[in-house]
């Protein structure tokens, strides 16, 4: 499979060689993984770390014997690497958990002692329900009012004017996605955080869909909490919470009595998935490899960073540049396909405002039928509401089955996108 784009982006042949699942064929037909917004394929370095941990270090933490000491070392190294990936000030600001949803519910539960009935919580209709439902529950438990930020259905961007009007001294929490898992919109979270902080509100950012596609810098964003999911960037099923240390230290944690009382461990309920954290380290090793191989041109953007932290951020910058080229190709191809409507930003001059997650509908066709047609050709895409039910409701797509979602990653190629577009063009007229 050729590398269509110039070498200044990245070499997809080298990248694809690091993902063993990309070689799998079904009945002699290659798999085309465009379901990445729901979870990417796992890289070999992540698999190696998981296997090595389970074979050589498998034990609980806190002991005096070799495997337990080695376990503690792996967990600490993963925490350090994750703090560098997010540019946190310290590894003590990193909390691991089963998934982003569980961690968000845990924080929302901890905030019940801080939120009062007279307070207000702002959420957006552009978010995954995992960054809405926990705050609706917090509202139910405390009596605080929920306020909604709407979005423009023409390009699926947030209405910041309405957000500014919602902000008052009653606002105590603003929950916003960094990027939409449904339509790909990147929200101006730094601006939103500054606006929220001007009235003394905390800011919770869901970066699950953003972190796999661009460098993430929690210090630059200025939020108070941020969550992401390593299984969305080439690792195993894990969730990660970053929060300012003073917040983690002051918030109550729901835990067993012998557990540590200081962050981050007080929020890591019970025995963690040690092999999952080891696999997360392997995924970050892959991103650092991308940075060392293809990220040299981006180093000037991260002049205050060095060593692995620098490689991680250069790696994500290289991935971002390559994926923007894929986005251009995909969006332009879909716009030329009869009956297709893309929901979200379609102007290829505005790619800095979106991730490569692209959702569309086809006139007169059910999204599930389109997904099945593509699946018959071993092209994997998602259909439905993608847990972004507010978006689907606002766009009037609930009764018609939601949208088809295509999400290329840095191991996908133009040829794979062309195959998707070819099948769509050939088969739409037969439905």
Protein backbone atom coordinates (compact mmCIF):
# COMPACT_ATOMS: atom_id res chain seq x y z
CA UNK A 1 0.00 0.00 0.00
CA UNK A 2 1.57 3.25 -1.13
CA UNK A 3 2.23 6.34 0.92
CA UNK A 4 0.29 8.99 -1.03
CA UNK A 5 1.37 12.04 0.93
CA UNK A 6 4.91 13.47 0.98
CA UNK A 7 7.35 12.16 3.58
CA UNK A 8 7.15 15.37 5.61
CA UNK A 9 3.87 14.06 7.04
CA UNK A 10 4.70 10.46 7.93
CA UNK A 11 5.47 7.15 6.28
CA UNK A 12 2.30 5.06 6.46
CA UNK A 13 4.18 1.91 5.50
CA UNK A 14 6.35 2.19 8.60
CA UNK A 15 3.39 3.18 10.74
CA UNK A 16 1.16 0.35 9.54
CA UNK A 17 3.91 -2.18 10.21
CA UNK A 18 3.48 -1.38 13.91
CA UNK A 19 -0.19 -2.47 13.94
CA UNK A 20 -0.52 -6.25 13.50
CA UNK A 21 -4.30 -6.19 13.07
CA UNK A 22 -3.93 -4.22 9.83
CA UNK A 23 -2.66 -7.41 8.14
CA UNK A 24 -5.81 -9.39 8.90
CA UNK A 25 -7.93 -10.42 5.92
CA UNK A 26 -11.41 -11.94 5.88
CA UNK A 27 -12.02 -14.27 2.94
CA UNK A 28 -8.98 -12.73 1.28
CA UNK A 29 -10.23 -9.14 1.68
CA UNK A 30 -8.29 -6.58 3.70
CA UNK A 31 -10.01 -4.97 6.62
CA UNK A 32 -10.39 -1.20 6.41
CA UNK A 33 -10.67 0.21 9.92
CA UNK A 34 -12.56 3.49 9.78
CA UNK A 35 -14.37 2.89 13.07
CA UNK A 36 -11.57 4.60 15.01
CA UNK A 37 -13.73 7.18 16.84
CA UNK A 38 -15.12 4.25 18.81
CA UNK A 39 -11.66 2.83 19.49
CA UNK A 40 -8.49 2.46 17.45
CA UNK A 41 -6.48 -0.64 16.67
CA UNK A 42 -3.78 -1.46 19.20
CA UNK A 43 -0.11 -0.97 18.37
CA UNK A 44 2.54 -3.65 18.79
CA UNK A 45 4.40 -1.78 21.52
CA UNK A 46 1.20 -1.72 23.58
CA UNK A 47 0.68 -5.45 23.05
CA UNK A 48 4.30 -6.08 24.03
CA UNK A 49 3.95 -4.12 27.26
CA UNK A 50 0.75 -5.97 28.18
CA UNK A 51 2.29 -9.37 27.53
CA UNK A 52 5.51 -8.53 29.32
CA UNK A 53 3.61 -7.29 32.36
CA UNK A 54 1.36 -10.34 32.60
CA UNK A 55 4.23 -12.78 32.07
CA UNK A 56 6.94 -11.16 34.18
CA UNK A 57 5.41 -8.72 36.66
CA UNK A 58 1.86 -9.83 37.38
CA UNK A 59 1.21 -8.97 41.04
CA UNK A 60 -0.58 -6.49 43.23
CA UNK A 61 1.22 -3.29 44.15
CA UNK A 62 2.79 -2.31 47.46
CA UNK A 63 4.76 -5.45 48.28
CA UNK A 64 8.43 -6.03 49.02
CA UNK A 65 8.94 -8.84 46.50
CA UNK A 66 10.21 -8.59 42.93
CA UNK A 67 6.99 -8.74 40.91
CA UNK A 68 5.21 -6.27 43.16
CA UNK A 69 8.15 -3.85 43.04
CA UNK A 70 8.25 -4.20 39.25
CA UNK A 71 4.51 -3.58 39.10
CA UNK A 72 4.94 -0.35 41.06
CA UNK A 73 7.70 0.70 38.68
CA UNK A 74 5.53 0.08 35.59
CA UNK A 75 2.59 1.95 37.06
CA UNK A 76 4.75 4.93 38.00
CA UNK A 77 6.39 5.03 34.56
CA UNK A 78 2.96 4.98 32.90
CA UNK A 79 1.76 7.79 35.13
CA UNK A 80 4.85 9.82 34.28
CA UNK A 81 4.42 9.21 30.54
CA UNK A 82 0.73 10.11 30.70
CA UNK A 83 1.52 13.35 32.52
CA UNK A 84 3.99 14.20 29.76
CA UNK A 85 1.44 13.35 27.05
CA UNK A 86 -0.97 15.88 28.58
CA UNK A 87 1.81 18.28 29.68
CA UNK A 88 0.68 18.11 33.30
CA UNK A 89 2.80 19.72 35.98
CA UNK A 90 3.19 16.48 37.93
CA UNK A 91 2.33 12.80 37.59
CA UNK A 92 0.29 13.12 40.80
CA UNK A 93 -2.38 14.88 38.73
CA UNK A 94 -3.03 11.71 36.69
CA UNK A 95 -5.77 9.29 37.78
CA UNK A 96 -6.38 5.96 36.02
CA UNK A 97 -9.72 4.19 35.86
CA UNK A 98 -11.82 1.73 33.94
CA UNK A 99 -12.97 4.33 31.41
CA UNK A 100 -13.74 8.00 31.03
CA UNK A 101 -17.40 7.55 31.93
CA UNK A 102 -16.64 5.90 35.28
CA UNK A 103 -14.10 8.57 36.16
CA UNK A 104 -16.51 11.37 35.25
CA UNK A 105 -19.27 9.88 37.39
CA UNK A 106 -16.77 9.57 40.26
CA UNK A 107 -15.88 13.26 40.04
CA UNK A 108 -19.51 14.29 39.71
CA UNK A 109 -20.27 12.30 42.87
CA UNK A 110 -17.38 13.99 44.68
CA UNK A 111 -18.74 17.41 43.71
CA UNK A 112 -22.11 16.80 45.39
CA UNK A 113 -20.68 18.31 48.59
CA UNK A 114 -19.63 21.47 46.74
CA UNK A 115 -22.62 22.12 44.46
CA UNK A 116 -25.61 23.74 46.19
CA UNK A 117 -29.29 24.09 45.13
CA UNK A 118 -28.82 27.73 44.15
CA UNK A 119 -25.95 26.88 41.80
CA UNK A 120 -26.00 26.28 38.04
CA UNK A 121 -24.20 23.75 35.83
CA UNK A 122 -23.62 24.43 32.13
CA UNK A 123 -23.45 21.57 29.62
CA UNK A 124 -23.55 21.54 25.81
CA UNK A 125 -25.75 19.82 23.27
CA UNK A 126 -22.63 18.98 21.26
CA UNK A 127 -21.24 16.52 23.81
CA UNK A 128 -21.09 12.76 24.24
CA UNK A 129 -23.56 11.72 26.92
CA UNK A 130 -20.70 10.74 29.22
CA UNK A 131 -20.07 14.47 29.66
CA UNK A 132 -23.77 15.23 30.13
CA UNK A 133 -25.43 12.43 32.13
CA UNK A 134 -23.07 12.68 35.15
CA UNK A 135 -23.89 16.39 35.45
CA UNK A 136 -27.63 15.78 35.02
CA UNK A 137 -27.34 13.32 37.89
CA UNK A 138 -25.38 15.86 39.93
CA UNK A 139 -28.20 18.31 39.29
CA UNK A 140 -30.77 15.77 40.46
CA UNK A 141 -28.78 15.07 43.63
CA UNK A 142 -28.09 18.68 44.58
CA UNK A 143 -30.99 20.65 43.13
CA UNK A 144 -28.65 22.79 41.01
CA UNK A 145 -30.06 23.95 37.67
CA UNK A 146 -28.79 22.70 34.31
CA UNK A 147 -28.18 25.27 31.58
CA UNK A 148 -27.58 24.26 27.96
CA UNK A 149 -25.25 25.70 25.30
CA UNK A 150 -26.79 25.16 21.87
CA UNK A 151 -24.96 24.79 18.58
CA UNK A 152 -25.44 26.05 15.04
CA UNK A 153 -26.87 23.16 12.99
CA UNK A 154 -25.33 24.55 9.82
CA UNK A 155 -21.77 23.70 10.86
CA UNK A 156 -22.28 22.17 14.33
CA UNK A 157 -20.26 24.77 16.20
CA UNK A 158 -21.10 26.00 19.70
CA UNK A 159 -22.94 29.27 20.18
CA UNK A 160 -20.52 31.16 22.41
CA UNK A 161 -22.79 34.19 22.55
CA UNK A 162 -25.45 32.11 24.28
CA UNK A 163 -22.77 30.68 26.57
CA UNK A 164 -21.68 34.18 27.61
CA UNK A 165 -25.30 35.05 28.45
CA UNK A 166 -25.65 31.89 30.55
CA UNK A 167 -22.63 32.68 32.71
CA UNK A 168 -23.47 34.25 36.08
CA UNK A 169 -22.11 34.17 39.61
CA UNK A 170 -24.39 31.16 40.11
CA UNK A 171 -22.42 29.12 37.56
CA UNK A 172 -20.24 26.60 39.40
CA UNK A 173 -19.35 24.08 36.70
CA UNK A 174 -18.99 24.14 32.91
CA UNK A 175 -18.67 20.77 31.15
CA UNK A 176 -17.55 20.87 27.52
CA UNK A 177 -16.04 18.52 24.97
CA UNK A 178 -12.70 19.36 23.40
CA UNK A 179 -13.93 17.78 20.15
CA UNK A 180 -17.25 16.23 19.21
CA UNK A 181 -17.19 12.45 18.93
CA UNK A 182 -20.09 12.74 16.50
CA UNK A 183 -19.41 15.60 14.08
CA UNK A 184 -15.75 16.34 14.79
CA UNK A 185 -16.06 19.99 15.86
CA UNK A 186 -13.14 21.26 17.96
CA UNK A 187 -14.44 23.62 20.62
CA UNK A 188 -12.43 26.67 21.77
CA UNK A 189 -11.88 25.20 25.22
CA UNK A 190 -9.18 27.67 26.24
CA UNK A 191 -11.56 30.56 25.62
CA UNK A 192 -14.43 28.72 27.29
CA UNK A 193 -12.27 27.97 30.35
CA UNK A 194 -11.25 31.62 30.68
CA UNK A 195 -14.88 32.75 30.41
CA UNK A 196 -15.99 30.21 33.02
CA UNK A 197 -13.19 31.11 35.40
CA UNK A 198 -14.17 34.79 35.17
CA UNK A 199 -17.27 33.91 37.23
CA UNK A 200 -15.47 31.41 39.47
CA UNK A 201 -16.74 28.22 37.81
CA UNK A 202 -14.82 24.97 37.44
CA UNK A 203 -14.25 23.58 33.93
CA UNK A 204 -14.45 19.89 33.01
CA UNK A 205 -13.15 18.99 29.52
CA UNK A 206 -13.89 15.74 27.71
CA UNK A 207 -10.85 15.23 25.46
CA UNK A 208 -11.62 11.62 24.51
CA UNK A 209 -12.12 12.53 20.85
CA UNK A 210 -9.48 15.26 20.69
CA UNK A 211 -6.47 13.61 22.35
CA UNK A 212 -5.99 10.96 19.59
CA UNK A 213 -5.70 13.64 16.92
CA UNK A 214 -3.62 16.58 18.20
CA UNK A 215 -1.26 17.62 20.99
CA UNK A 216 -3.07 18.16 24.30
CA UNK A 217 -1.67 20.66 26.79
CA UNK A 218 -3.66 20.95 30.01
CA UNK A 219 -1.55 23.86 31.21
CA UNK A 220 -2.29 25.86 28.08
CA UNK A 221 -6.01 25.04 28.13
CA UNK A 222 -6.43 26.25 31.67
CA UNK A 223 -9.22 23.83 32.58
CA UNK A 224 -9.62 22.21 35.99
CA UNK A 225 -10.38 18.64 34.87
CA UNK A 226 -9.72 16.77 31.63
CA UNK A 227 -10.46 13.18 30.68
CA UNK A 228 -9.30 10.96 27.83
CA UNK A 229 -9.21 7.28 26.85
CA UNK A 230 -6.03 5.41 25.81
CA UNK A 231 -8.03 2.92 23.76
CA UNK A 232 -8.79 5.82 21.43
CA UNK A 233 -5.06 6.33 20.85
CA UNK A 234 -3.73 2.86 20.08
CA UNK A 235 -3.79 1.32 23.57
CA UNK A 236 -6.07 -0.91 25.67
CA UNK A 237 -9.36 -0.06 27.33
CA UNK A 238 -8.47 2.47 30.01
CA UNK A 239 -9.65 5.85 31.20
CA UNK A 240 -7.50 8.75 32.38
CA UNK A 241 -8.46 11.77 34.44
CA UNK A 242 -6.22 14.80 34.81
CA UNK A 243 -7.08 17.43 37.40
CA UNK A 244 -5.27 20.19 39.20
CA UNK A 245 -3.59 18.65 42.22
CA UNK A 246 -5.16 21.01 44.73
CA UNK A 247 -8.62 20.00 43.49
CA UNK A 248 -7.86 16.30 43.72
CA UNK A 249 -6.47 16.87 47.18
CA UNK A 250 -9.51 18.79 48.42
CA UNK A 251 -12.30 16.72 46.87
CA UNK A 252 -13.63 13.74 48.84
CA UNK A 253 -13.02 10.29 47.35
CA UNK A 254 -15.31 7.30 47.73
CA UNK A 255 -12.88 4.55 48.67
CA UNK A 256 -12.07 1.78 51.11
CA UNK A 257 -10.49 2.87 54.40
CA UNK A 258 -7.01 1.34 53.92
CA UNK A 259 -6.56 3.11 50.56
CA UNK A 260 -4.30 6.14 50.41
CA UNK A 261 -5.81 9.48 51.33
CA UNK A 262 -3.73 11.55 48.90
CA UNK A 263 -4.14 11.89 45.14
CA UNK A 264 -4.00 10.34 42.72
CA UNK A 265 -4.41 6.98 44.48
CA UNK A 266 -7.41 7.96 46.59
CA UNK A 267 -9.48 8.15 43.39
CA UNK A 268 -8.22 4.84 41.94
CA UNK A 269 -10.83 2.57 43.47
CA UNK A 270 -9.70 -0.97 44.25
CA UNK A 271 -7.14 -2.91 42.23
CA UNK A 272 -6.45 -1.22 38.94
CA UNK A 273 -5.91 -2.85 35.54
CA UNK A 274 -2.14 -3.07 35.78
CA UNK A 275 -1.85 -4.70 32.38
CA UNK A 276 -4.06 -1.92 30.98
CA UNK A 277 -1.74 0.72 32.35
CA UNK A 278 1.26 -1.16 30.97
CA UNK A 279 -0.47 -1.20 27.59
CA UNK A 280 -1.09 2.52 27.88
CA UNK A 281 2.64 3.00 28.34
CA UNK A 282 3.20 1.03 25.14
CA UNK A 283 0.73 3.22 23.25
CA UNK A 284 2.55 6.33 24.44
CA UNK A 285 5.84 4.74 23.36
CA UNK A 286 4.37 4.44 19.87
CA UNK A 287 3.36 8.11 19.79
CA UNK A 288 6.83 9.10 21.00
CA UNK A 289 8.28 6.96 18.19
CA UNK A 290 6.14 8.86 15.66
CA UNK A 291 7.53 12.07 17.11
CA UNK A 292 11.14 10.94 16.90
CA UNK A 293 10.70 9.64 13.34
CA UNK A 294 8.43 12.26 11.76
CA UNK A 295 8.02 15.12 14.21
CA UNK A 296 11.24 17.11 13.85
CA UNK A 297 9.57 19.95 11.95
CA UNK A 298 7.19 20.56 14.84
CA UNK A 299 9.75 20.82 17.65
CA UNK A 300 9.77 24.62 17.52
CA UNK A 301 6.12 24.59 18.62
CA UNK A 302 7.17 22.96 21.90
CA UNK A 303 10.33 24.84 22.75
CA UNK A 304 9.81 24.47 26.52
CA UNK A 305 9.70 20.67 26.27
CA UNK A 306 12.42 18.05 26.01
CA UNK A 307 13.00 14.30 25.87
CA UNK A 308 9.90 12.06 25.88
CA UNK A 309 7.51 14.96 26.52
CA UNK A 310 8.79 16.66 23.39
CA UNK A 311 8.60 13.47 21.30
CA UNK A 312 5.02 12.85 22.43
CA UNK A 313 3.85 16.30 21.44
CA UNK A 314 5.78 16.28 18.15
CA UNK A 315 4.28 12.87 17.44
CA UNK A 316 0.76 14.17 17.91
CA UNK A 317 1.56 17.21 15.75
CA UNK A 318 2.76 14.91 12.96
CA UNK A 319 -0.38 12.80 13.30
CA UNK A 320 -2.52 15.93 13.18
CA UNK A 321 -0.88 17.17 9.98
CA UNK A 322 -1.27 13.83 8.23
CA UNK A 323 -4.87 13.35 9.35
CA UNK A 324 -5.82 16.80 8.09
CA UNK A 325 -4.81 15.63 4.64
CA UNK A 326 -6.99 12.57 5.07
CA UNK A 327 -9.84 14.82 6.22
CA UNK A 328 -9.54 16.96 3.10
CA UNK A 329 -9.64 13.92 0.85
CA UNK A 330 -12.58 12.35 2.67
CA UNK A 331 -14.71 15.49 2.90
CA UNK A 332 -14.08 16.47 -0.73
CA UNK A 333 -14.95 12.95 -1.85
CA UNK A 334 -18.14 12.77 0.17
CA UNK A 335 -19.28 16.17 -1.09
CA UNK A 336 -19.03 14.82 -4.63
CA UNK A 337 -21.09 11.73 -3.79
CA UNK A 338 -24.73 11.94 -4.82
CA UNK A 339 -27.23 12.22 -1.96
CA UNK A 340 -24.62 12.61 0.81
CA UNK A 341 -24.94 15.31 3.43
CA UNK A 342 -22.06 15.89 5.85
CA UNK A 343 -23.06 17.22 9.26
CA UNK A 344 -20.46 19.62 10.62
CA UNK A 345 -17.66 21.71 9.16
CA UNK A 346 -17.07 20.97 5.47
CA UNK A 347 -14.88 23.92 4.50
CA UNK A 348 -11.43 22.38 4.08
CA UNK A 349 -9.91 25.77 4.93
CA UNK A 350 -11.30 25.27 8.45
CA UNK A 351 -9.71 21.90 9.22
CA UNK A 352 -8.06 23.37 12.31
CA UNK A 353 -11.60 23.57 13.72
CA UNK A 354 -12.33 19.84 13.41
CA UNK A 355 -10.84 16.39 13.95
CA UNK A 356 -11.08 13.78 11.16
CA UNK A 357 -14.29 12.31 12.59
CA UNK A 358 -16.79 12.84 9.76
CA UNK A 359 -20.50 12.00 9.99
CA UNK A 360 -23.01 12.03 7.16
CA UNK A 361 -26.40 10.86 6.00
CA UNK A 362 -27.57 9.69 2.58
CA UNK A 363 -30.89 10.87 1.21
CA UNK A 364 -33.53 8.17 1.42
CA UNK A 365 -31.21 5.66 3.13
CA UNK A 366 -31.04 4.36 6.68
CA UNK A 367 -27.56 4.76 8.21
CA UNK A 368 -27.63 1.12 9.32
CA UNK A 369 -28.18 0.00 5.72
CA UNK A 370 -25.19 2.06 4.54
CA UNK A 371 -23.04 0.65 7.34
CA UNK A 372 -24.04 -2.90 6.35
CA UNK A 373 -23.18 -2.27 2.71
CA UNK A 374 -19.74 -1.06 3.73
CA UNK A 375 -19.33 -3.95 6.18
CA UNK A 376 -20.02 -6.38 3.32
CA UNK A 377 -16.89 -4.94 1.67
CA UNK A 378 -14.92 -5.23 4.95
CA UNK A 379 -15.05 -1.48 5.53
CA UNK A 380 -15.77 -0.78 9.18
CA UNK A 381 -17.78 2.32 10.12
CA UNK A 382 -20.27 3.22 12.85
CA UNK A 383 -23.91 4.20 12.49
CA UNK A 384 -26.46 5.53 14.97
CA UNK A 385 -26.31 8.22 17.63
CA UNK A 386 -22.78 7.45 18.89
CA UNK A 387 -23.96 8.34 22.42
CA UNK A 388 -24.26 11.95 21.29
CA UNK A 389 -28.02 11.89 21.62
CA UNK A 390 -28.44 15.65 22.05
CA UNK A 391 -26.80 16.27 18.65
CA UNK A 392 -29.00 13.71 16.94
CA UNK A 393 -32.13 15.13 18.56
CA UNK A 394 -31.24 18.71 17.67
CA UNK A 395 -30.54 17.78 14.04
CA UNK A 396 -33.83 15.88 13.78
CA UNK A 397 -32.15 12.57 12.97
CA UNK A 398 -33.44 10.42 15.82
CA UNK A 399 -36.28 8.80 13.91
CA UNK A 400 -34.15 8.12 10.84
CA UNK A 401 -31.37 6.25 12.64
CA UNK A 402 -28.76 8.91 13.28
CA UNK A 403 -25.68 9.23 11.09
CA UNK A 404 -22.89 7.20 9.49
CA UNK A 405 -19.57 8.03 11.14
CA UNK A 406 -16.18 7.62 9.44
CA UNK A 407 -13.00 8.30 11.39
CA UNK A 408 -9.59 7.84 9.79
CA UNK A 409 -6.48 7.52 11.96
CA UNK A 410 -2.80 7.97 11.17
CA UNK A 411 -2.51 4.35 9.97
CA UNK A 412 -5.23 4.81 7.35
CA UNK A 413 -4.46 5.70 3.76
CA UNK A 414 -5.97 7.62 0.87
CA UNK A 415 -6.46 4.31 -0.94
CA UNK A 416 -8.67 3.09 1.89
CA UNK A 417 -10.74 6.26 1.75
CA UNK A 418 -11.03 5.92 -2.02
CA UNK A 419 -12.37 2.39 -1.54
CA UNK A 420 -15.00 3.71 0.87
CA UNK A 421 -16.02 6.43 -1.59
CA UNK A 422 -16.09 3.95 -4.46
CA UNK A 423 -18.41 1.55 -2.63
CA UNK A 424 -20.69 4.41 -1.58
CA UNK A 425 -20.96 5.73 -5.14
CA UNK A 426 -21.62 2.30 -6.60
CA UNK A 427 -24.09 1.03 -4.03
CA UNK A 428 -26.16 4.05 -2.97
CA UNK A 429 -28.22 3.90 -6.17
CA UNK A 430 -29.08 0.24 -5.53
CA UNK A 431 -30.69 0.84 -2.13
